[in-house]
């Protein structure tokens, strides 16, 4: 799956899923962001997750847990 429409649709599904998982979670710095990005070499689209970390390890461990949950539901999402 490398076309922009498919990747954008997957991102929307994942964001909805994460919203349900994170109900009530308060991030200490920045939220985990998921967006589409284009690989300039291969000319295909992929998902990119980003976040800035702060003084709290809770955000980092929450992100690791989220990545585990995403990869268990969509095996093609995490590499």
Protein backbone atom coordinates (compact mmCIF):
# COMPACT_ATOMS: atom_id res chain seq x y z
CA UNK A 1 0.00 0.00 0.00
CA UNK A 2 1.83 3.08 -1.16
CA UNK A 3 -0.68 5.42 -2.80
CA UNK A 4 -1.63 8.58 -0.91
CA UNK A 5 -5.34 7.78 -0.66
CA UNK A 6 -4.76 4.36 0.91
CA UNK A 7 -2.18 5.67 3.36
CA UNK A 8 -4.40 8.61 4.33
CA UNK A 9 -7.33 6.24 4.92
CA UNK A 10 -5.17 3.99 7.09
CA UNK A 11 -3.99 7.02 9.07
CA UNK A 12 -7.60 8.05 9.71
CA UNK A 13 -8.49 4.55 10.92
CA UNK A 14 -5.47 4.43 13.21
CA UNK A 15 -6.20 7.90 14.62
CA UNK A 16 -9.78 6.88 15.41
CA UNK A 17 -8.50 3.73 17.11
CA UNK A 18 -5.94 5.69 19.13
CA UNK A 19 -8.59 8.18 20.19
CA UNK A 20 -10.56 5.34 21.75
CA UNK A 21 -7.46 3.90 23.45
CA UNK A 22 -6.30 7.25 24.82
CA UNK A 23 -9.60 8.48 26.20
CA UNK A 24 -8.64 10.63 29.19
CA UNK A 25 -4.86 10.34 28.78
CA UNK A 26 -3.07 13.64 29.33
CA UNK A 27 0.21 14.09 27.46
CA UNK A 28 2.94 15.90 29.37
CA UNK A 29 4.50 17.57 26.33
CA UNK A 30 3.19 16.92 22.81
CA UNK A 31 0.74 14.33 21.60
CA UNK A 32 1.78 11.47 19.35
CA UNK A 33 1.14 12.67 15.79
CA UNK A 34 0.53 10.45 12.82
CA UNK A 35 0.75 11.84 9.30
CA UNK A 36 1.36 10.81 5.72
CA UNK A 37 4.75 11.43 4.17
CA UNK A 38 6.26 10.85 0.75
CA UNK A 39 9.47 8.92 0.20
CA UNK A 40 11.47 11.05 -2.25
CA UNK A 41 13.53 8.11 -3.48
CA UNK A 42 10.88 5.40 -3.91
CA UNK A 43 8.10 7.87 -4.82
CA UNK A 44 5.60 6.16 -2.51
CA UNK A 45 3.63 7.26 0.55
CA UNK A 46 3.95 6.00 4.11
CA UNK A 47 2.86 6.83 7.64
CA UNK A 48 5.15 8.78 9.91
CA UNK A 49 4.67 9.07 13.66
CA UNK A 50 6.28 11.87 15.65
CA UNK A 51 6.39 13.31 19.12
CA UNK A 52 8.68 15.42 21.25
CA UNK A 53 9.64 13.95 24.58
CA UNK A 54 9.90 15.85 27.81
CA UNK A 55 10.68 15.12 31.41
CA UNK A 56 8.03 12.45 31.85
CA UNK A 57 8.70 8.85 30.89
CA UNK A 58 4.93 8.27 30.84
CA UNK A 59 4.63 9.79 27.36
CA UNK A 60 7.41 7.62 25.99
CA UNK A 61 6.00 4.40 27.47
CA UNK A 62 2.52 5.31 26.27
CA UNK A 63 3.88 5.75 22.74
CA UNK A 64 5.61 2.35 22.88
CA UNK A 65 2.32 0.81 24.02
CA UNK A 66 0.45 2.60 21.22
CA UNK A 67 2.88 1.30 18.61
CA UNK A 68 2.42 -2.21 19.97
CA UNK A 69 -1.37 -1.86 19.82
CA UNK A 70 -1.25 -0.43 16.29
CA UNK A 71 1.03 -3.21 15.05
CA UNK A 72 -1.17 -5.91 16.58
CA UNK A 73 -4.22 -4.56 14.73
CA UNK A 74 -2.51 -3.55 11.45
CA UNK A 75 0.54 -5.72 10.88
CA UNK A 76 1.68 -3.61 7.93
CA UNK A 77 1.74 -0.34 9.90
CA UNK A 78 4.95 -0.72 11.94
CA UNK A 79 8.35 -1.47 10.48
